[in-house]
Structures are given as structure tokens and as C-alpha cells.
């Protein structure tokens, strides 16, 4: 049994929920809403983006597969497809746009400008997948229908 915080919950802990709440109040995003607040919508959309979901249905299937963890991830109750679709349709997008601009400006201020003043040797590692021709490189099996080589530098 996991006793630590989930990775998604750790990522959420970096977000400024108070600033988001002030933006939501400015645009009255939670007015007449009982359960599925703007914060829950933001978390669901972030989870979909980070888990590379391709559609709303795909996102809901992934969330339903882990419904026992939804509280620990920060969602509270489980998210339904109709609630998320209605929220995406009806809520003002300026809430999320303004919060994204806030996050970008906040991180821009925190950016380190003296990154190259490090003492000692600095090494950079890159892991790249290079696609190869199926007929020429029969030995480079990656998946059943594709061939590639994985290069680490």
C-alpha cells in the first residue's frame, strides 16, 4: 500500500490555489455550482494533458480506472463525463487563461540567470529514439510494426 503522496498530488502542491480562487471569484466561475468546481476542472484537464489523453471519453475512462485514488490526487469525488463536458462548454475560459499567464510570469521571475557558474564538471545526458527503416534494419526491434534504435549520449 502506498503511504507517500502520489506524483500528481505532488505536482498540484506547487500550484497556488489561493490565486486561482481569486481569479475564479473575479469571473464568478463557481457561481451556481454545487460539486464540480473550477479547481476540479483544472485538475481533470491537467491530468488529461499530463497522461496524454486524446479525448474526453479517454480521460474519463482513465479517471474511472483510478477512482479509488481520486481523493488522494486532489479531485475529491469522481469526475463524470457529463459534468466535465458541461463545465468545458459553459465556464469562462478567461479563468484558465489568466491563471496560465500568472504561472508563466511567476516561473519567469524564478528563472535562474547564473546557471553556467557551476563549479566542477557538468555533464548532460540525452536519451533519443531514432526511427529506422523496417527493411534495412531487421535487427532493431522496437515494436511489432516499427524499428528503431535508442541512443543515449
N, C-alpha and C. Protein backbone atom coordinates (compact mmCIF):
# COMPACT_ATOMS: atom_id res chain seq x y z
N UNK A 1 0.84 -1.18 0.00
CA UNK A 1 0.00 0.00 0.00
C UNK A 1 0.88 1.25 0.00
N UNK A 2 0.52 2.19 -0.82
CA UNK A 2 1.30 3.42 -0.94
C UNK A 2 1.04 4.32 0.26
N UNK A 3 2.12 4.75 0.90
CA UNK A 3 1.99 5.65 2.05
C UNK A 3 2.49 7.05 1.75
N UNK A 4 3.05 7.25 0.58
CA UNK A 4 3.55 8.55 0.17
C UNK A 4 2.50 9.26 -0.68
N UNK A 5 2.76 10.53 -0.98
CA UNK A 5 1.87 11.27 -1.87
C UNK A 5 2.09 10.82 -3.31
N UNK A 6 1.02 10.75 -4.07
CA UNK A 6 1.12 10.40 -5.48
C UNK A 6 1.83 11.53 -6.23
N UNK A 7 2.41 11.18 -7.39
CA UNK A 7 3.16 12.17 -8.17
C UNK A 7 2.25 13.31 -8.59
N UNK A 8 1.03 13.00 -9.01
CA UNK A 8 0.11 14.05 -9.42
C UNK A 8 -0.20 14.99 -8.27
N UNK A 9 -0.38 14.44 -7.08
CA UNK A 9 -0.64 15.28 -5.89
C UNK A 9 0.57 16.14 -5.56
N UNK A 10 1.77 15.62 -5.80
CA UNK A 10 2.98 16.41 -5.56
C UNK A 10 3.08 17.55 -6.56
N UNK A 11 2.68 17.31 -7.81
CA UNK A 11 2.68 18.39 -8.81
C UNK A 11 1.67 19.47 -8.46
N UNK A 12 0.52 19.06 -7.99
CA UNK A 12 -0.53 20.02 -7.63
C UNK A 12 -0.10 20.89 -6.46
N UNK A 13 0.72 20.35 -5.58
CA UNK A 13 1.14 21.12 -4.41
C UNK A 13 1.93 22.37 -4.78
N UNK A 14 2.49 22.42 -6.00
CA UNK A 14 3.21 23.61 -6.44
C UNK A 14 2.28 24.71 -6.95
N UNK A 15 1.02 24.38 -7.21
CA UNK A 15 0.08 25.37 -7.73
C UNK A 15 -0.43 26.26 -6.60
N UNK A 16 -0.63 27.52 -6.92
CA UNK A 16 -1.15 28.48 -5.95
C UNK A 16 -2.68 28.47 -6.04
N UNK A 17 -3.29 27.72 -5.14
CA UNK A 17 -4.75 27.57 -5.17
C UNK A 17 -5.45 28.86 -4.77
N UNK A 18 -4.84 29.66 -3.90
CA UNK A 18 -5.46 30.92 -3.49
C UNK A 18 -5.55 31.90 -4.65
N UNK A 19 -4.50 31.98 -5.44
CA UNK A 19 -4.52 32.86 -6.62
C UNK A 19 -5.58 32.39 -7.61
N UNK A 20 -5.67 31.07 -7.80
CA UNK A 20 -6.68 30.53 -8.70
C UNK A 20 -8.08 30.86 -8.19
N UNK A 21 -8.28 30.75 -6.88
CA UNK A 21 -9.59 31.05 -6.29
C UNK A 21 -9.95 32.52 -6.49
N UNK A 22 -8.97 33.42 -6.38
CA UNK A 22 -9.24 34.85 -6.61
C UNK A 22 -9.64 35.10 -8.06
N UNK A 23 -8.98 34.41 -8.99
CA UNK A 23 -9.33 34.57 -10.41
C UNK A 23 -10.74 34.02 -10.66
N UNK A 24 -11.06 32.90 -10.06
CA UNK A 24 -12.40 32.31 -10.21
C UNK A 24 -13.45 33.26 -9.65
N UNK A 25 -13.17 33.87 -8.51
CA UNK A 25 -14.11 34.84 -7.93
C UNK A 25 -14.27 36.06 -8.82
N UNK A 26 -13.20 36.47 -9.46
CA UNK A 26 -13.25 37.62 -10.36
C UNK A 26 -14.21 37.37 -11.53
N UNK A 27 -14.17 36.15 -12.09
CA UNK A 27 -15.03 35.81 -13.23
C UNK A 27 -16.30 35.07 -12.79
N UNK A 28 -16.51 34.91 -11.50
CA UNK A 28 -17.67 34.22 -10.93
C UNK A 28 -17.85 32.83 -11.54
N UNK A 29 -16.74 32.09 -11.59
CA UNK A 29 -16.75 30.77 -12.21
C UNK A 29 -17.47 29.71 -11.41
N UNK A 30 -17.51 29.85 -10.09
CA UNK A 30 -18.17 28.84 -9.25
C UNK A 30 -19.59 29.24 -8.85
N UNK A 31 -20.14 30.28 -9.48
CA UNK A 31 -21.49 30.71 -9.16
C UNK A 31 -22.49 29.65 -9.63
N UNK A 32 -23.41 29.28 -8.79
CA UNK A 32 -24.45 28.28 -9.03
C UNK A 32 -23.88 26.87 -9.22
N UNK A 33 -22.67 26.62 -8.77
CA UNK A 33 -22.05 25.30 -8.89
C UNK A 33 -22.03 24.65 -7.51
N UNK A 34 -22.47 23.39 -7.44
CA UNK A 34 -22.51 22.70 -6.15
C UNK A 34 -21.31 21.77 -5.95
N UNK A 35 -20.98 20.97 -6.94
CA UNK A 35 -19.97 19.93 -6.73
C UNK A 35 -18.72 20.11 -7.59
N UNK A 36 -18.86 20.23 -8.88
CA UNK A 36 -17.70 20.23 -9.79
C UNK A 36 -17.20 21.66 -9.98
N UNK A 37 -16.33 22.08 -9.07
CA UNK A 37 -15.82 23.46 -9.07
C UNK A 37 -14.76 23.64 -10.15
N UNK A 38 -14.34 24.87 -10.36
CA UNK A 38 -13.31 25.19 -11.35
C UNK A 38 -11.98 24.52 -11.02
N UNK A 39 -11.67 24.40 -9.74
CA UNK A 39 -10.42 23.74 -9.34
C UNK A 39 -10.43 22.27 -9.77
N UNK A 40 -11.58 21.60 -9.61
CA UNK A 40 -11.69 20.21 -10.05
C UNK A 40 -11.55 20.10 -11.57
N UNK A 41 -12.11 21.07 -12.27
CA UNK A 41 -11.98 21.07 -13.73
C UNK A 41 -10.53 21.26 -14.14
N UNK A 42 -9.83 22.17 -13.48
CA UNK A 42 -8.42 22.39 -13.78
C UNK A 42 -7.61 21.12 -13.54
N UNK A 43 -7.86 20.44 -12.43
CA UNK A 43 -7.13 19.22 -12.12
C UNK A 43 -7.43 18.12 -13.14
N UNK A 44 -8.68 18.00 -13.54
CA UNK A 44 -9.04 16.98 -14.53
C UNK A 44 -8.37 17.27 -15.87
N UNK A 45 -8.36 18.53 -16.28
CA UNK A 45 -7.72 18.89 -17.54
C UNK A 45 -6.21 18.72 -17.47
N UNK A 46 -5.62 19.03 -16.32
CA UNK A 46 -4.18 18.81 -16.15
C UNK A 46 -3.85 17.33 -16.20
N UNK A 47 -4.66 16.51 -15.55
CA UNK A 47 -4.43 15.07 -15.58
C UNK A 47 -4.53 14.54 -17.01
N UNK A 48 -5.51 15.02 -17.75
CA UNK A 48 -5.65 14.61 -19.14
C UNK A 48 -4.46 15.01 -19.99
N UNK A 49 -3.95 16.20 -19.77
CA UNK A 49 -2.80 16.67 -20.53
C UNK A 49 -1.55 15.89 -20.16
N UNK A 50 -1.32 15.69 -18.87
CA UNK A 50 -0.10 15.00 -18.42
C UNK A 50 -0.12 13.51 -18.73
N UNK A 51 -1.29 12.91 -18.80
CA UNK A 51 -1.37 11.48 -19.12
C UNK A 51 -1.62 11.24 -20.60
N UNK A 52 -1.54 12.28 -21.41
CA UNK A 52 -1.63 12.18 -22.87
C UNK A 52 -2.95 11.57 -23.32
N UNK A 53 -4.05 12.03 -22.75
CA UNK A 53 -5.38 11.56 -23.15
C UNK A 53 -5.78 12.28 -24.42
N UNK A 54 -6.46 11.57 -25.32
CA UNK A 54 -6.79 12.13 -26.63
C UNK A 54 -8.22 12.64 -26.73
N UNK A 55 -9.08 12.26 -25.82
CA UNK A 55 -10.47 12.70 -25.89
C UNK A 55 -11.04 12.78 -24.48
N UNK A 56 -12.21 13.36 -24.40
CA UNK A 56 -12.89 13.47 -23.12
C UNK A 56 -13.27 12.09 -22.59
N UNK A 57 -13.73 11.24 -23.47
CA UNK A 57 -14.09 9.88 -23.07
C UNK A 57 -12.86 9.11 -22.57
N UNK A 58 -11.73 9.28 -23.25
CA UNK A 58 -10.48 8.63 -22.85
C UNK A 58 -10.04 9.12 -21.47
N UNK A 59 -10.19 10.40 -21.22
CA UNK A 59 -9.84 10.97 -19.92
C UNK A 59 -10.73 10.41 -18.82
N UNK A 60 -12.02 10.32 -19.06
CA UNK A 60 -12.94 9.82 -18.05
C UNK A 60 -12.69 8.33 -17.78
N UNK A 61 -12.37 7.56 -18.82
CA UNK A 61 -12.05 6.14 -18.62
C UNK A 61 -10.81 6.00 -17.74
N UNK A 62 -9.80 6.84 -17.98
CA UNK A 62 -8.58 6.79 -17.16
C UNK A 62 -8.87 7.21 -15.72
N UNK A 63 -9.70 8.22 -15.53
CA UNK A 63 -10.05 8.64 -14.17
C UNK A 63 -10.90 7.59 -13.46
N UNK A 64 -11.81 6.95 -14.19
CA UNK A 64 -12.65 5.91 -13.59
C UNK A 64 -11.83 4.68 -13.22
N UNK A 65 -10.77 4.41 -13.97
CA UNK A 65 -9.92 3.26 -13.66
C UNK A 65 -9.21 3.45 -12.33
N UNK A 66 -9.01 4.69 -11.94
CA UNK A 66 -8.32 5.00 -10.68
C UNK A 66 -9.25 5.75 -9.72
N UNK A 67 -10.54 5.42 -9.72
CA UNK A 67 -11.49 6.17 -8.91
C UNK A 67 -11.20 6.08 -7.41
N UNK A 68 -10.54 5.01 -6.98
CA UNK A 68 -10.22 4.91 -5.55
C UNK A 68 -9.13 5.89 -5.13
N UNK A 69 -8.37 6.41 -6.10
CA UNK A 69 -7.29 7.35 -5.80
C UNK A 69 -7.70 8.80 -6.04
N UNK A 70 -8.90 9.04 -6.49
CA UNK A 70 -9.29 10.40 -6.88
C UNK A 70 -9.22 11.39 -5.72
N UNK A 71 -9.53 10.95 -4.53
CA UNK A 71 -9.44 11.84 -3.37
C UNK A 71 -7.98 12.19 -3.08
N UNK A 72 -7.10 11.21 -3.18
CA UNK A 72 -5.69 11.43 -2.88
C UNK A 72 -4.99 12.25 -3.96
N UNK A 73 -5.54 12.26 -5.16
CA UNK A 73 -4.99 13.08 -6.23
C UNK A 73 -5.45 14.53 -6.12
N UNK A 74 -6.50 14.78 -5.36
CA UNK A 74 -6.98 16.13 -5.17
C UNK A 74 -8.31 16.42 -5.84
N UNK A 75 -8.92 15.42 -6.50
CA UNK A 75 -10.18 15.63 -7.20
C UNK A 75 -11.37 15.67 -6.26
N UNK A 76 -11.26 15.02 -5.12
CA UNK A 76 -12.41 14.88 -4.25
C UNK A 76 -13.26 13.73 -4.73
N UNK A 77 -14.45 14.01 -5.23
CA UNK A 77 -15.31 12.96 -5.77
C UNK A 77 -14.87 12.60 -7.18
N UNK A 78 -15.42 11.50 -7.66
CA UNK A 78 -15.10 11.05 -9.01
C UNK A 78 -15.71 12.02 -10.04
N UNK A 79 -15.07 12.16 -11.17
CA UNK A 79 -15.49 13.10 -12.21
C UNK A 79 -16.34 12.35 -13.24
N UNK A 80 -17.50 12.90 -13.57
CA UNK A 80 -18.33 12.29 -14.60
C UNK A 80 -18.12 13.01 -15.93
N UNK A 81 -18.39 12.27 -17.00
CA UNK A 81 -18.18 12.83 -18.33
C UNK A 81 -19.12 14.00 -18.61
N UNK A 82 -20.36 13.88 -18.18
CA UNK A 82 -21.33 14.95 -18.44
C UNK A 82 -20.96 16.23 -17.68
N UNK A 83 -20.48 16.08 -16.44
CA UNK A 83 -20.09 17.26 -15.66
C UNK A 83 -18.90 17.96 -16.28
N UNK A 84 -17.90 17.18 -16.70
CA UNK A 84 -16.71 17.78 -17.31
C UNK A 84 -17.05 18.42 -18.66
N UNK A 85 -17.88 17.76 -19.45
CA UNK A 85 -18.26 18.32 -20.75
C UNK A 85 -19.05 19.61 -20.58
N UNK A 86 -19.97 19.63 -19.62
CA UNK A 86 -20.77 20.83 -19.38
C UNK A 86 -19.88 21.96 -18.85
N UNK A 87 -18.94 21.62 -17.99
CA UNK A 87 -18.03 22.65 -17.46
C UNK A 87 -17.15 23.22 -18.56
N UNK A 88 -16.65 22.36 -19.44
CA UNK A 88 -15.83 22.84 -20.55
C UNK A 88 -16.63 23.73 -21.49
N UNK A 89 -17.90 23.45 -21.62
CA UNK A 89 -18.74 24.22 -22.53
C UNK A 89 -19.17 25.56 -21.92
N UNK A 90 -19.53 25.56 -20.65
CA UNK A 90 -20.17 26.73 -20.05
C UNK A 90 -19.23 27.69 -19.33
N UNK A 91 -18.14 27.22 -18.78
CA UNK A 91 -17.29 28.08 -17.97
C UNK A 91 -16.44 29.00 -18.83
N UNK A 92 -16.15 30.14 -18.26
CA UNK A 92 -15.37 31.16 -18.96
C UNK A 92 -13.91 30.71 -19.07
N UNK A 93 -13.39 30.70 -20.28
CA UNK A 93 -12.01 30.25 -20.49
C UNK A 93 -11.01 31.27 -19.97
N UNK A 94 -11.44 32.49 -19.72
CA UNK A 94 -10.52 33.52 -19.22
C UNK A 94 -9.95 33.15 -17.84
N UNK A 95 -10.68 32.33 -17.09
CA UNK A 95 -10.18 31.87 -15.79
C UNK A 95 -8.87 31.13 -15.97
N UNK A 96 -8.87 30.17 -16.87
CA UNK A 96 -7.70 29.34 -17.08
C UNK A 96 -6.60 30.09 -17.84
N UNK A 97 -7.01 30.98 -18.72
CA UNK A 97 -6.03 31.79 -19.46
C UNK A 97 -5.27 32.71 -18.51
N UNK A 98 -5.98 33.37 -17.62
CA UNK A 98 -5.33 34.29 -16.69
C UNK A 98 -4.45 33.53 -15.70
N UNK A 99 -4.90 32.35 -15.28
CA UNK A 99 -4.09 31.56 -14.35
C UNK A 99 -2.83 31.03 -15.05
N UNK A 100 -2.94 30.66 -16.30
CA UNK A 100 -1.75 30.22 -17.06
C UNK A 100 -0.76 31.36 -17.21
N UNK A 101 -1.26 32.56 -17.49
CA UNK A 101 -0.36 33.73 -17.58
C UNK A 101 0.30 34.01 -16.25
N UNK A 102 -0.45 33.86 -15.16
CA UNK A 102 0.13 34.04 -13.83
C UNK A 102 1.24 33.03 -13.58
N UNK A 103 1.00 31.76 -13.91
CA UNK A 103 2.01 30.73 -13.70
C UNK A 103 3.26 30.98 -14.53
N UNK A 104 3.07 31.40 -15.77
CA UNK A 104 4.22 31.68 -16.65
C UNK A 104 5.03 32.84 -16.10
N UNK A 105 4.36 33.91 -15.69
CA UNK A 105 5.09 35.07 -15.13
C UNK A 105 5.77 34.72 -13.82
N UNK A 106 5.11 33.91 -13.00
CA UNK A 106 5.70 33.50 -11.72
C UNK A 106 6.97 32.68 -11.94
N UNK A 107 6.94 31.77 -12.89
CA UNK A 107 8.13 30.96 -13.17
C UNK A 107 9.20 31.77 -13.88
N UNK A 108 8.80 32.73 -14.67
CA UNK A 108 9.79 33.58 -15.35
C UNK A 108 10.59 34.38 -14.32
N UNK A 109 9.94 34.80 -13.25
CA UNK A 109 10.65 35.54 -12.20
C UNK A 109 11.60 34.63 -11.41
N UNK A 110 11.25 33.36 -11.30
CA UNK A 110 12.08 32.42 -10.54
C UNK A 110 13.24 31.85 -11.35
N UNK A 111 13.26 32.13 -12.63
CA UNK A 111 14.28 31.55 -13.51
C UNK A 111 15.67 31.96 -13.06
N UNK A 112 16.56 31.02 -13.09
CA UNK A 112 17.94 31.26 -12.68
C UNK A 112 18.71 31.80 -13.87
N UNK A 113 19.37 32.95 -13.68
CA UNK A 113 20.13 33.53 -14.79
C UNK A 113 21.60 33.15 -14.72
N UNK A 114 22.09 32.74 -13.56
CA UNK A 114 23.50 32.38 -13.41
C UNK A 114 23.69 30.87 -13.41
N UNK A 115 23.06 30.19 -14.35
CA UNK A 115 23.10 28.74 -14.36
C UNK A 115 24.47 28.19 -14.77
N UNK A 116 25.24 28.95 -15.51
CA UNK A 116 26.51 28.44 -16.01
C UNK A 116 27.68 28.74 -15.09
N UNK A 117 27.44 29.23 -13.91
CA UNK A 117 28.51 29.48 -12.95
C UNK A 117 28.59 28.33 -11.95
N UNK A 118 28.65 27.11 -12.48
CA UNK A 118 28.73 25.93 -11.65
C UNK A 118 30.19 25.51 -11.51
N UNK A 119 30.55 25.01 -10.36
CA UNK A 119 31.91 24.55 -10.16
C UNK A 119 32.04 23.09 -10.54
N UNK A 120 33.17 22.70 -11.14
CA UNK A 120 33.40 21.30 -11.50
C UNK A 120 32.85 20.97 -12.87
N UNK A 121 32.85 19.68 -13.17
CA UNK A 121 32.38 19.20 -14.47
C UNK A 121 30.86 19.09 -14.48
N UNK A 122 30.28 19.46 -15.60
CA UNK A 122 28.84 19.36 -15.80
C UNK A 122 28.61 18.48 -17.01
N UNK A 123 27.80 17.44 -16.85
CA UNK A 123 27.51 16.52 -17.94
C UNK A 123 26.02 16.59 -18.26
N UNK A 124 25.70 16.50 -19.54
CA UNK A 124 24.31 16.48 -19.99
C UNK A 124 24.05 15.15 -20.67
N UNK A 125 22.97 14.50 -20.28
CA UNK A 125 22.60 13.22 -20.87
C UNK A 125 21.32 13.40 -21.66
N UNK A 126 21.26 12.75 -22.81
CA UNK A 126 20.08 12.81 -23.65
C UNK A 126 19.74 11.40 -24.08
N UNK A 127 18.48 11.07 -24.05
CA UNK A 127 18.02 9.77 -24.49
C UNK A 127 17.08 10.00 -25.67
N UNK A 128 17.49 9.54 -26.84
CA UNK A 128 16.76 9.82 -28.06
C UNK A 128 16.41 8.52 -28.77
N UNK A 129 15.21 8.43 -29.31
CA UNK A 129 14.81 7.29 -30.12
C UNK A 129 14.90 7.69 -31.58
N UNK A 130 15.66 6.91 -32.35
CA UNK A 130 15.87 7.20 -33.77
C UNK A 130 15.14 6.14 -34.57
N UNK A 131 14.20 6.56 -35.42
CA UNK A 131 13.46 5.63 -36.26
C UNK A 131 14.36 5.10 -37.37
N UNK A 132 14.19 3.82 -37.67
CA UNK A 132 14.98 3.17 -38.71
C UNK A 132 14.05 2.54 -39.73
N UNK A 133 14.58 2.25 -40.91
CA UNK A 133 13.82 1.62 -41.97
C UNK A 133 13.53 0.16 -41.60
N UNK A 134 12.29 -0.28 -41.81
CA UNK A 134 11.91 -1.64 -41.44
C UNK A 134 12.66 -2.70 -42.23
N UNK A 135 12.89 -2.47 -43.50
CA UNK A 135 13.52 -3.50 -44.33
C UNK A 135 15.03 -3.54 -44.17
N UNK A 136 15.66 -2.42 -43.88
CA UNK A 136 17.12 -2.38 -43.80
C UNK A 136 17.64 -2.81 -42.43
N UNK A 137 16.93 -2.48 -41.37
CA UNK A 137 17.41 -2.77 -40.02
C UNK A 137 16.47 -3.78 -39.35
N UNK A 138 16.55 -5.02 -39.77
CA UNK A 138 15.68 -6.06 -39.25
C UNK A 138 15.99 -6.40 -37.80
N UNK A 139 17.18 -6.09 -37.34
CA UNK A 139 17.63 -6.46 -36.00
C UNK A 139 17.18 -5.48 -34.92
N UNK A 140 16.71 -4.31 -35.30
CA UNK A 140 16.35 -3.26 -34.33
C UNK A 140 14.86 -3.33 -34.02
N UNK A 141 14.45 -4.32 -33.25
CA UNK A 141 13.02 -4.49 -32.94
C UNK A 141 12.63 -3.57 -31.80
N UNK A 142 11.66 -2.71 -32.06
CA UNK A 142 11.14 -1.78 -31.05
C UNK A 142 9.71 -2.17 -30.70
N UNK A 143 8.89 -2.22 -31.69
CA UNK A 143 7.52 -2.73 -31.58
C UNK A 143 7.32 -3.68 -32.74
N UNK A 144 6.17 -4.28 -32.81
CA UNK A 144 5.93 -5.26 -33.86
C UNK A 144 5.97 -4.63 -35.25
N UNK A 145 5.53 -3.40 -35.37
CA UNK A 145 5.44 -2.78 -36.70
C UNK A 145 6.48 -1.68 -36.94
N UNK A 146 7.35 -1.42 -35.99
CA UNK A 146 8.33 -0.36 -36.20
C UNK A 146 9.70 -0.78 -35.69
N UNK A 147 10.71 -0.21 -36.28
CA UNK A 147 12.09 -0.48 -35.89
C UNK A 147 12.74 0.84 -35.49
N UNK A 148 13.58 0.79 -34.47
CA UNK A 148 14.29 1.99 -34.06
C UNK A 148 15.47 1.60 -33.19
N UNK A 149 16.28 2.57 -32.92
CA UNK A 149 17.42 2.39 -32.03
C UNK A 149 17.33 3.46 -30.96
N UNK A 150 17.66 3.10 -29.75
CA UNK A 150 17.60 4.03 -28.62
C UNK A 150 19.02 4.47 -28.31
N UNK A 151 19.29 5.74 -28.45
CA UNK A 151 20.64 6.27 -28.31
C UNK A 151 20.72 7.15 -27.06
N UNK A 152 21.68 6.84 -26.20
CA UNK A 152 21.91 7.67 -25.00
C UNK A 152 23.28 8.30 -25.10
N UNK A 153 23.31 9.62 -24.98
CA UNK A 153 24.57 10.36 -25.09
C UNK A 153 24.85 11.11 -23.82
